[in-house]
Protein backbone atom coordinates (compact mmCIF):
# COMPACT_ATOMS: atom_id res chain seq x y z
CA UNK A 1 -141.46 -17.49 -8.38
CA UNK A 2 -141.23 -21.24 -8.06
CA UNK A 3 -142.80 -22.55 -4.83
CA UNK A 4 -140.13 -23.88 -2.48
CA UNK A 5 -137.32 -22.19 -4.40
CA UNK A 6 -136.26 -19.04 -2.50
CA UNK A 7 -133.68 -18.17 -5.16
CA UNK A 8 -136.49 -17.46 -7.62
CA UNK A 9 -137.68 -14.50 -5.49
CA UNK A 10 -135.83 -11.21 -5.56
CA UNK A 11 -134.43 -9.89 -2.29
CA UNK A 12 -136.87 -6.99 -1.95
CA UNK A 13 -139.81 -9.34 -2.12
CA UNK A 14 -138.28 -11.63 0.53
CA UNK A 15 -137.75 -8.70 2.88
CA UNK A 16 -141.28 -7.50 2.37
CA UNK A 17 -142.62 -10.82 3.66
CA UNK A 18 -141.33 -10.10 7.17
CA UNK A 19 -143.28 -7.22 8.73
CA UNK A 20 -140.42 -6.58 11.19
CA UNK A 21 -137.94 -5.98 8.39
CA UNK A 22 -136.99 -2.33 7.81
CA UNK A 23 -138.09 -0.97 4.46
CA UNK A 24 -134.68 0.65 3.95
CA UNK A 25 -131.70 -1.77 3.90
CA UNK A 26 -129.55 1.02 5.40
CA UNK A 27 -131.60 0.61 8.61
CA UNK A 28 -130.24 -2.89 9.20
CA UNK A 29 -127.65 -3.04 11.98
CA UNK A 30 -124.07 -3.43 10.86
CA UNK A 31 -121.81 -6.16 12.18
CA UNK A 32 -120.09 -3.51 14.27
CA UNK A 33 -123.44 -2.47 15.81
CA UNK A 34 -124.27 -6.09 16.59
CA UNK A 35 -120.82 -6.58 18.11
CA UNK A 36 -121.25 -3.57 20.39
CA UNK A 37 -124.71 -4.77 21.48
CA UNK A 38 -123.27 -8.18 22.33
CA UNK A 39 -120.41 -6.53 24.19
CA UNK A 40 -122.84 -4.48 26.27
CA UNK A 41 -124.87 -7.60 27.13
CA UNK A 42 -121.71 -9.41 28.20
CA UNK A 43 -120.62 -6.48 30.36
CA UNK A 44 -124.03 -6.37 32.08
CA UNK A 45 -123.90 -10.11 32.70
CA UNK A 46 -120.39 -9.86 34.13
CA UNK A 47 -121.48 -7.06 36.44
CA UNK A 48 -124.47 -9.12 37.58
CA UNK A 49 -122.31 -12.18 38.25
CA UNK A 50 -119.79 -10.06 40.16
CA UNK A 51 -122.61 -8.76 42.37
CA UNK A 52 -123.95 -12.28 42.96
CA UNK A 53 -120.50 -13.58 43.90
CA UNK A 54 -119.98 -10.65 46.28
CA UNK A 55 -123.34 -11.37 47.96
CA UNK A 56 -122.53 -15.08 48.28
CA UNK A 57 -119.13 -14.31 49.81
CA UNK A 58 -120.75 -11.92 52.28
CA UNK A 59 -123.31 -14.58 53.25
CA UNK A 60 -120.59 -17.19 53.67
CA UNK A 61 -118.47 -14.83 55.79
CA UNK A 62 -121.51 -14.00 57.92
CA UNK A 63 -122.28 -17.69 58.35
CA UNK A 64 -118.68 -18.46 59.38
CA UNK A 65 -118.68 -15.58 61.89
CA UNK A 66 -121.83 -16.98 63.48
CA UNK A 67 -120.11 -20.35 63.92
CA UNK A 68 -122.00 -21.99 61.09
């Protein structure tokens, strides 16, 4: 290995440097898995925003009813 030249190190050795890296490459998430995780995050965020908007509308309606 040449210092500063990552191409001189084989892939297995590079992966072994990161303790979080799975030992089996088959354990890495696929692009499809990553896509589904992102999709789930987006759906949860959309649901949260919908709830916030509903609460804000209810507060505004309450404020208008009180003559605010």
